């Protein structure tokens, strides 16, 4: 089994103030949901998505050039492929 590594988590906690819709908070509490865990998970996912989007944007030119090179010349070891 592989261990998941969370590159964002620090292992520390910080108290913060959030403004949330009262109806949403009441519904979450009534359902027994942990607001801190849910907010943290949502922020973690949003952060990962944004970092991935930024990486794609920053590396778009490189990826396009690699794709053009492959389109023009083919894969370097394609003749050895078994599929």
PDB file of N, CA and C in Angstrom:
ATOM      1  N   UNK A   1       0.839  -1.179   0.000  1.00  0.00           N
ATOM      2  CA  UNK A   1       0.000   0.000   0.000  1.00  0.00           C
ATOM      3  C   UNK A   1       0.883   1.242   0.000  1.00  0.00           C
ATOM      4  N   UNK A   2       0.579   2.194  -0.852  1.00  0.00           N
ATOM      5  CA  UNK A   2       1.363   3.412  -0.945  1.00  0.00           C
ATOM      6  C   UNK A   2       0.851   4.459   0.030  1.00  0.00           C
ATOM      7  N   UNK A   3       1.774   5.179   0.630  1.00  0.00           N
ATOM      8  CA  UNK A   3       1.409   6.247   1.538  1.00  0.00           C
ATOM      9  C   UNK A   3       1.159   7.510   0.723  1.00  0.00           C
ATOM     10  N   UNK A   4       0.076   8.188   1.021  1.00  0.00           N
ATOM     11  CA  UNK A   4      -0.208   9.446   0.348  1.00  0.00           C
ATOM     12  C   UNK A   4       0.603  10.546   1.006  1.00  0.00           C
ATOM     13  N   UNK A   5       1.245  11.343   0.199  1.00  0.00           N
ATOM     14  CA  UNK A   5       2.012  12.470   0.708  1.00  0.00           C
ATOM     15  C   UNK A   5       1.254  13.741   0.358  1.00  0.00           C
ATOM     16  N   UNK A   6       0.958  14.516   1.375  1.00  0.00           N
ATOM     17  CA  UNK A   6       0.233  15.766   1.187  1.00  0.00           C
ATOM     18  C   UNK A   6       1.239  16.899   1.245  1.00  0.00           C
ATOM     19  N   UNK A   7       1.592  17.434   0.088  1.00  0.00           N
ATOM     20  CA  UNK A   7       2.615  18.479   0.029  1.00  0.00           C
ATOM     21  C   UNK A   7       2.124  19.815   0.572  1.00  0.00           C
ATOM     22  N   UNK A   8       0.839  19.953   0.803  1.00  0.00           N
ATOM     23  CA  UNK A   8       0.286  21.206   1.294  1.00  0.00           C
ATOM     24  C   UNK A   8       0.237  21.222   2.821  1.00  0.00           C
ATOM     25  N   UNK A   9      -0.059  20.092   3.430  1.00  0.00           N
ATOM     26  CA  UNK A   9      -0.274  20.024   4.875  1.00  0.00           C
ATOM     27  C   UNK A   9       1.000  20.326   5.647  1.00  0.00           C
ATOM     28  N   UNK A  10       0.853  21.087   6.724  1.00  0.00           N
ATOM     29  CA  UNK A  10       1.991  21.399   7.590  1.00  0.00           C
ATOM     30  C   UNK A  10       1.937  20.600   8.880  1.00  0.00           C
ATOM     31  N   UNK A  11       0.775  20.040   9.200  1.00  0.00           N
ATOM     32  CA  UNK A  11       0.608  19.320  10.448  1.00  0.00           C
ATOM     33  C   UNK A  11       0.235  20.233  11.605  1.00  0.00           C
ATOM     34  N   UNK A  12       0.234  21.524  11.355  1.00  0.00           N
ATOM     35  CA  UNK A  12      -0.121  22.498  12.388  1.00  0.00           C
ATOM     36  C   UNK A  12      -1.529  23.005  12.132  1.00  0.00           C
ATOM     37  N   UNK A  13      -2.138  23.555  13.152  1.00  0.00           N
ATOM     38  CA  UNK A  13      -3.489  24.117  13.033  1.00  0.00           C
ATOM     39  C   UNK A  13      -3.444  25.605  13.329  1.00  0.00           C
ATOM     40  N   UNK A  14      -4.302  26.374  12.660  1.00  0.00           N
ATOM     41  CA  UNK A  14      -4.418  27.811  12.882  1.00  0.00           C
ATOM     42  C   UNK A  14      -5.897  28.153  12.925  1.00  0.00           C
ATOM     43  N   UNK A  15      -6.292  28.855  13.961  1.00  0.00           N
ATOM     44  CA  UNK A  15      -7.681  29.299  14.067  1.00  0.00           C
ATOM     45  C   UNK A  15      -7.892  30.461  13.104  1.00  0.00           C
ATOM     46  N   UNK A  16      -8.981  30.384  12.337  1.00  0.00           N
ATOM     47  CA  UNK A  16      -9.320  31.452  11.390  1.00  0.00           C
ATOM     48  C   UNK A  16     -10.811  31.759  11.513  1.00  0.00           C
ATOM     49  N   UNK A  17     -11.187  32.915  11.033  1.00  0.00           N
ATOM     50  CA  UNK A  17     -12.599  33.292  11.001  1.00  0.00           C
ATOM     51  C   UNK A  17     -13.109  33.182   9.580  1.00  0.00           C
ATOM     52  N   UNK A  18     -14.251  32.558   9.416  1.00  0.00           N
ATOM     53  CA  UNK A  18     -14.892  32.436   8.109  1.00  0.00           C
ATOM     54  C   UNK A  18     -16.301  32.987   8.209  1.00  0.00           C
ATOM     55  N   UNK A  19     -16.752  33.588   7.140  1.00  0.00           N
ATOM     56  CA  UNK A  19     -18.142  34.033   7.068  1.00  0.00           C
ATOM     57  C   UNK A  19     -18.886  33.067   6.166  1.00  0.00           C
ATOM     58  N   UNK A  20     -19.809  32.335   6.742  1.00  0.00           N
ATOM     59  CA  UNK A  20     -20.580  31.340   6.007  1.00  0.00           C
ATOM     60  C   UNK A  20     -22.060  31.638   6.159  1.00  0.00           C
ATOM     61  N   UNK A  21     -22.812  31.249   5.160  1.00  0.00           N
ATOM     62  CA  UNK A  21     -24.259  31.406   5.204  1.00  0.00           C
ATOM     63  C   UNK A  21     -24.814  30.646   6.402  1.00  0.00           C
ATOM     64  N   UNK A  22     -25.644  31.291   7.193  1.00  0.00           N
ATOM     65  CA  UNK A  22     -26.163  30.664   8.411  1.00  0.00           C
ATOM     66  C   UNK A  22     -26.974  29.411   8.125  1.00  0.00           C
ATOM     67  N   UNK A  23     -27.701  29.400   7.028  1.00  0.00           N
ATOM     68  CA  UNK A  23     -28.475  28.219   6.666  1.00  0.00           C
ATOM     69  C   UNK A  23     -27.583  27.034   6.354  1.00  0.00           C
ATOM     70  N   UNK A  24     -26.478  27.301   5.684  1.00  0.00           N
ATOM     71  CA  UNK A  24     -25.527  26.236   5.350  1.00  0.00           C
ATOM     72  C   UNK A  24     -24.902  25.687   6.628  1.00  0.00           C
ATOM     73  N   UNK A  25     -24.527  26.579   7.538  1.00  0.00           N
ATOM     74  CA  UNK A  25     -23.918  26.154   8.800  1.00  0.00           C
ATOM     75  C   UNK A  25     -24.907  25.316   9.611  1.00  0.00           C
ATOM     76  N   UNK A  26     -26.151  25.771   9.716  1.00  0.00           N
ATOM     77  CA  UNK A  26     -27.158  25.028  10.471  1.00  0.00           C
ATOM     78  C   UNK A  26     -27.400  23.649   9.876  1.00  0.00           C
ATOM     79  N   UNK A  27     -27.492  23.588   8.557  1.00  0.00           N
ATOM     80  CA  UNK A  27     -27.719  22.298   7.891  1.00  0.00           C
ATOM     81  C   UNK A  27     -26.539  21.360   8.115  1.00  0.00           C
ATOM     82  N   UNK A  28     -25.334  21.885   8.045  1.00  0.00           N
ATOM     83  CA  UNK A  28     -24.143  21.060   8.245  1.00  0.00           C
ATOM     84  C   UNK A  28     -24.090  20.536   9.677  1.00  0.00           C
ATOM     85  N   UNK A  29     -24.371  21.405  10.630  1.00  0.00           N
ATOM     86  CA  UNK A  29     -24.367  20.973  12.033  1.00  0.00           C
ATOM     87  C   UNK A  29     -25.463  19.949  12.297  1.00  0.00           C
ATOM     88  N   UNK A  30     -26.640  20.173  11.710  1.00  0.00           N
ATOM     89  CA  UNK A  30     -27.743  19.227  11.893  1.00  0.00           C
ATOM     90  C   UNK A  30     -27.388  17.857  11.324  1.00  0.00           C
ATOM     91  N   UNK A  31     -26.572  17.855  10.276  1.00  0.00           N
ATOM     92  CA  UNK A  31     -26.159  16.591   9.663  1.00  0.00           C
ATOM     93  C   UNK A  31     -24.958  15.981  10.381  1.00  0.00           C
ATOM     94  N   UNK A  32     -24.441  16.688  11.376  1.00  0.00           N
ATOM     95  CA  UNK A  32     -23.296  16.174  12.128  1.00  0.00           C
ATOM     96  C   UNK A  32     -21.983  16.306  11.390  1.00  0.00           C
ATOM     97  N   UNK A  33     -21.907  17.239  10.463  1.00  0.00           N
ATOM     98  CA  UNK A  33     -20.686  17.415   9.680  1.00  0.00           C
ATOM     99  C   UNK A  33     -19.681  18.279  10.427  1.00  0.00           C
ATOM    100  N   UNK A  34     -18.415  18.000  10.223  1.00  0.00           N
ATOM    101  CA  UNK A  34     -17.342  18.759  10.841  1.00  0.00           C
ATOM    102  C   UNK A  34     -16.953  19.888   9.881  1.00  0.00           C
ATOM    103  N   UNK A  35     -17.311  21.106  10.227  1.00  0.00           N
ATOM    104  CA  UNK A  35     -17.068  22.248   9.345  1.00  0.00           C
ATOM    105  C   UNK A  35     -15.585  22.449   9.060  1.00  0.00           C
ATOM    106  N   UNK A  36     -14.750  22.292  10.070  1.00  0.00           N
ATOM    107  CA  UNK A  36     -13.308  22.495   9.887  1.00  0.00           C
ATOM    108  C   UNK A  36     -12.742  21.495   8.884  1.00  0.00           C
ATOM    109  N   UNK A  37     -13.103  20.229   9.017  1.00  0.00           N
ATOM    110  CA  UNK A  37     -12.590  19.211   8.102  1.00  0.00           C
ATOM    111  C   UNK A  37     -13.077  19.443   6.675  1.00  0.00           C
ATOM    112  N   UNK A  38     -14.332  19.813   6.546  1.00  0.00           N
ATOM    113  CA  UNK A  38     -14.896  20.033   5.213  1.00  0.00           C
ATOM    114  C   UNK A  38     -14.266  21.254   4.556  1.00  0.00           C
ATOM    115  N   UNK A  39     -14.129  22.338   5.314  1.00  0.00           N
ATOM    116  CA  UNK A  39     -13.490  23.546   4.763  1.00  0.00           C
ATOM    117  C   UNK A  39     -12.038  23.260   4.387  1.00  0.00           C
ATOM    118  N   UNK A  40     -11.330  22.552   5.252  1.00  0.00           N
ATOM    119  CA  UNK A  40      -9.933  22.230   4.972  1.00  0.00           C
ATOM    120  C   UNK A  40      -9.809  21.378   3.708  1.00  0.00           C
ATOM    121  N   UNK A  41     -10.657  20.383   3.567  1.00  0.00           N
ATOM    122  CA  UNK A  41     -10.612  19.515   2.382  1.00  0.00           C
ATOM    123  C   UNK A  41     -10.923  20.310   1.118  1.00  0.00           C
ATOM    124  N   UNK A  42     -11.908  21.208   1.199  1.00  0.00           N
ATOM    125  CA  UNK A  42     -12.272  22.017   0.036  1.00  0.00           C
ATOM    126  C   UNK A  42     -11.134  22.971  -0.330  1.00  0.00           C
ATOM    127  N   UNK A  43     -10.510  23.587   0.665  1.00  0.00           N
ATOM    128  CA  UNK A  43      -9.392  24.491   0.400  1.00  0.00           C
ATOM    129  C   UNK A  43      -8.181  23.739  -0.148  1.00  0.00           C
ATOM    130  N   UNK A  44      -7.943  22.526   0.365  1.00  0.00           N
ATOM    131  CA  UNK A  44      -6.834  21.709  -0.139  1.00  0.00           C
ATOM    132  C   UNK A  44      -7.052  21.394  -1.616  1.00  0.00           C
ATOM    133  N   UNK A  45      -8.259  20.970  -1.959  1.00  0.00           N
ATOM    134  CA  UNK A  45      -8.558  20.629  -3.358  1.00  0.00           C
ATOM    135  C   UNK A  45      -8.487  21.857  -4.253  1.00  0.00           C
ATOM    136  N   UNK A  46      -9.019  22.991  -3.792  1.00  0.00           N
ATOM    137  CA  UNK A  46      -8.965  24.227  -4.574  1.00  0.00           C
ATOM    138  C   UNK A  46      -7.519  24.662  -4.785  1.00  0.00           C
ATOM    139  N   UNK A  47      -6.680  24.521  -3.751  1.00  0.00           N
ATOM    140  CA  UNK A  47      -5.266  24.887  -3.866  1.00  0.00           C
ATOM    141  C   UNK A  47      -4.550  23.987  -4.870  1.00  0.00           C
ATOM    142  N   UNK A  48      -4.808  22.695  -4.798  1.00  0.00           N
ATOM    143  CA  UNK A  48      -4.181  21.761  -5.750  1.00  0.00           C
ATOM    144  C   UNK A  48      -4.620  22.059  -7.182  1.00  0.00           C
ATOM    145  N   UNK A  49      -5.900  22.304  -7.354  1.00  0.00           N
ATOM    146  CA  UNK A  49      -6.410  22.603  -8.696  1.00  0.00           C
ATOM    147  C   UNK A  49      -5.782  23.873  -9.248  1.00  0.00           C
ATOM    148  N   UNK A  50      -5.668  24.881  -8.412  1.00  0.00           N
ATOM    149  CA  UNK A  50      -5.085  26.146  -8.860  1.00  0.00           C
ATOM    150  C   UNK A  50      -3.601  25.994  -9.173  1.00  0.00           C
ATOM    151  N   UNK A  51      -2.887  25.240  -8.331  1.00  0.00           N
ATOM    152  CA  UNK A  51      -1.467  25.006  -8.619  1.00  0.00           C
ATOM    153  C   UNK A  51      -1.295  24.252  -9.932  1.00  0.00           C
ATOM    154  N   UNK A  52      -2.140  23.278 -10.187  1.00  0.00           N
ATOM    155  CA  UNK A  52      -2.073  22.524 -11.446  1.00  0.00           C
ATOM    156  C   UNK A  52      -2.390  23.425 -12.629  1.00  0.00           C
ATOM    157  N   UNK A  53      -3.388  24.291 -12.487  1.00  0.00           N
ATOM    158  CA  UNK A  53      -3.735  25.223 -13.558  1.00  0.00           C
ATOM    159  C   UNK A  53      -2.566  26.166 -13.844  1.00  0.00           C
ATOM    160  N   UNK A  54      -1.938  26.678 -12.793  1.00  0.00           N
ATOM    161  CA  UNK A  54      -0.801  27.575 -12.966  1.00  0.00           C
ATOM    162  C   UNK A  54       0.361  26.861 -13.639  1.00  0.00           C
ATOM    163  N   UNK A  55       0.617  25.595 -13.251  1.00  0.00           N
ATOM    164  CA  UNK A  55       1.700  24.839 -13.858  1.00  0.00           C
ATOM    165  C   UNK A  55       1.448  24.654 -15.349  1.00  0.00           C
ATOM    166  N   UNK A  56       0.203  24.283 -15.699  1.00  0.00           N
ATOM    167  CA  UNK A  56      -0.129  24.107 -17.118  1.00  0.00           C
ATOM    168  C   UNK A  56       0.072  25.401 -17.887  1.00  0.00           C
ATOM    169  N   UNK A  57      -0.348  26.509 -17.298  1.00  0.00           N
ATOM    170  CA  UNK A  57      -0.201  27.804 -17.953  1.00  0.00           C
ATOM    171  C   UNK A  57       1.276  28.168 -18.122  1.00  0.00           C
ATOM    172  N   UNK A  58       2.062  27.987 -17.061  1.00  0.00           N
ATOM    173  CA  UNK A  58       3.480  28.326 -17.102  1.00  0.00           C
ATOM    174  C   UNK A  58       4.267  27.426 -18.048  1.00  0.00           C
ATOM    175  N   UNK A  59       3.811  26.204 -18.243  1.00  0.00           N
ATOM    176  CA  UNK A  59       4.553  25.238 -19.060  1.00  0.00           C
ATOM    177  C   UNK A  59       3.888  24.944 -20.397  1.00  0.00           C
ATOM    178  N   UNK A  60       2.892  25.735 -20.758  1.00  0.00           N
ATOM    179  CA  UNK A  60       2.163  25.504 -22.010  1.00  0.00           C
ATOM    180  C   UNK A  60       3.083  25.571 -23.231  1.00  0.00           C
ATOM    181  N   UNK A  61       3.954  26.560 -23.267  1.00  0.00           N
ATOM    182  CA  UNK A  61       4.855  26.712 -24.411  1.00  0.00           C
ATOM    183  C   UNK A  61       5.760  25.502 -24.561  1.00  0.00           C
ATOM    184  N   UNK A  62       6.289  25.019 -23.449  1.00  0.00           N
ATOM    185  CA  UNK A  62       7.145  23.838 -23.485  1.00  0.00           C
ATOM    186  C   UNK A  62       6.354  22.623 -23.978  1.00  0.00           C
ATOM    187  N   UNK A  63       5.157  22.401 -23.418  1.00  0.00           N
ATOM    188  CA  UNK A  63       4.348  21.242 -23.804  1.00  0.00           C
ATOM    189  C   UNK A  63       3.975  21.311 -25.288  1.00  0.00           C
ATOM    190  N   UNK A  64       3.634  22.515 -25.758  1.00  0.00           N
ATOM    191  CA  UNK A  64       3.309  22.679 -27.178  1.00  0.00           C
ATOM    192  C   UNK A  64       4.510  22.358 -28.057  1.00  0.00           C
ATOM    193  N   UNK A  65       5.701  22.775 -27.627  1.00  0.00           N
ATOM    194  CA  UNK A  65       6.894  22.511 -28.439  1.00  0.00           C
ATOM    195  C   UNK A  65       7.211  21.018 -28.465  1.00  0.00           C
ATOM    196  N   UNK A  66       7.024  20.325 -27.350  1.00  0.00           N
ATOM    197  CA  UNK A  66       7.250  18.876 -27.316  1.00  0.00           C
ATOM    198  C   UNK A  66       6.241  18.174 -28.228  1.00  0.00           C
ATOM    199  N   UNK A  67       4.988  18.586 -28.166  1.00  0.00           N
ATOM    200  CA  UNK A  67       3.963  17.982 -29.021  1.00  0.00           C
ATOM    201  C   UNK A  67       4.236  18.242 -30.497  1.00  0.00           C
ATOM    202  N   UNK A  68       4.683  19.455 -30.826  1.00  0.00           N
ATOM    203  CA  UNK A  68       5.034  19.751 -32.226  1.00  0.00           C
ATOM    204  C   UNK A  68       6.185  18.866 -32.686  1.00  0.00           C
ATOM    205  N   UNK A  69       7.203  18.716 -31.829  1.00  0.00           N
ATOM    206  CA  UNK A  69       8.360  17.897 -32.179  1.00  0.00           C
ATOM    207  C   UNK A  69       7.920  16.465 -32.461  1.00  0.00           C
ATOM    208  N   UNK A  70       7.051  15.915 -31.608  1.00  0.00           N
ATOM    209  CA  UNK A  70       6.564  14.545 -31.799  1.00  0.00           C
ATOM    210  C   UNK A  70       5.714  14.448 -33.059  1.00  0.00           C
ATOM    211  N   UNK A  71       4.871  15.465 -33.323  1.00  0.00           N
ATOM    212  CA  UNK A  71       4.056  15.454 -34.536  1.00  0.00           C
ATOM    213  C   UNK A  71       4.934  15.451 -35.783  1.00  0.00           C
ATOM    214  N   UNK A  72       6.036  16.185 -35.754  1.00  0.00           N
ATOM    215  CA  UNK A  72       6.922  16.294 -36.912  1.00  0.00           C
ATOM    216  C   UNK A  72       7.823  15.075 -37.084  1.00  0.00           C
ATOM    217  N   UNK A  73       8.291  14.509 -35.985  1.00  0.00           N
ATOM    218  CA  UNK A  73       9.300  13.459 -36.053  1.00  0.00           C
ATOM    219  C   UNK A  73       8.813  12.097 -35.573  1.00  0.00           C
ATOM    220  N   UNK A  74       7.726  12.058 -34.853  1.00  0.00           N
ATOM    221  CA  UNK A  74       7.251  10.806 -34.269  1.00  0.00           C
ATOM    222  C   UNK A  74       7.946  10.536 -32.946  1.00  0.00           C
ATOM    223  N   UNK A  75       7.491   9.510 -32.262  1.00  0.00           N
ATOM    224  CA  UNK A  75       8.104   9.145 -30.988  1.00  0.00           C
ATOM    225  C   UNK A  75       9.473   8.521 -31.237  1.00  0.00           C
ATOM    226  N   UNK A  76      10.485   8.907 -30.475  1.00  0.00           N
ATOM    227  CA  UNK A  76      11.847   8.422 -30.723  1.00  0.00           C
ATOM    228  C   UNK A  76      11.984   6.899 -30.700  1.00  0.00           C
ATOM    229  N   UNK A  77      11.275   6.214 -29.859  1.00  0.00           N
ATOM    230  CA  UNK A  77      11.408   4.753 -29.742  1.00  0.00           C
ATOM    231  C   UNK A  77      10.165   4.024 -30.236  1.00  0.00           C
ATOM    232  N   UNK A  78       9.416   4.652 -31.101  1.00  0.00           N
ATOM    233  CA  UNK A  78       8.147   4.086 -31.561  1.00  0.00           C
ATOM    234  C   UNK A  78       8.318   2.714 -32.215  1.00  0.00           C
ATOM    235  N   UNK A  79       9.417   2.497 -32.882  1.00  0.00           N
ATOM    236  CA  UNK A  79       9.598   1.209 -33.575  1.00  0.00           C
ATOM    237  C   UNK A  79       9.717   0.038 -32.604  1.00  0.00           C
ATOM    238  N   UNK A  80       9.976   0.311 -31.352  1.00  0.00           N
ATOM    239  CA  UNK A  80      10.100  -0.747 -30.350  1.00  0.00           C
ATOM    240  C   UNK A  80       8.803  -1.008 -29.594  1.00  0.00           C
ATOM    241  N   UNK A  81       7.765  -0.252 -29.887  1.00  0.00           N
ATOM    242  CA  UNK A  81       6.483  -0.419 -29.194  1.00  0.00           C
ATOM    243  C   UNK A  81       5.861  -1.751 -29.573  1.00  0.00           C
ATOM    244  N   UNK A  82       5.235  -2.378 -28.617  1.00  0.00           N
ATOM    245  CA  UNK A  82       4.590  -3.673 -28.857  1.00  0.00           C
ATOM    246  C   UNK A  82       3.085  -3.546 -28.999  1.00  0.00           C
ATOM    247  N   UNK A  83       2.573  -2.335 -29.027  1.00  0.00           N
ATOM    248  CA  UNK A  83       1.136  -2.125 -29.165  1.00  0.00           C
ATOM    249  C   UNK A  83       0.851  -1.138 -30.255  1.00  0.00           C
TER     250      UNK A  83
END
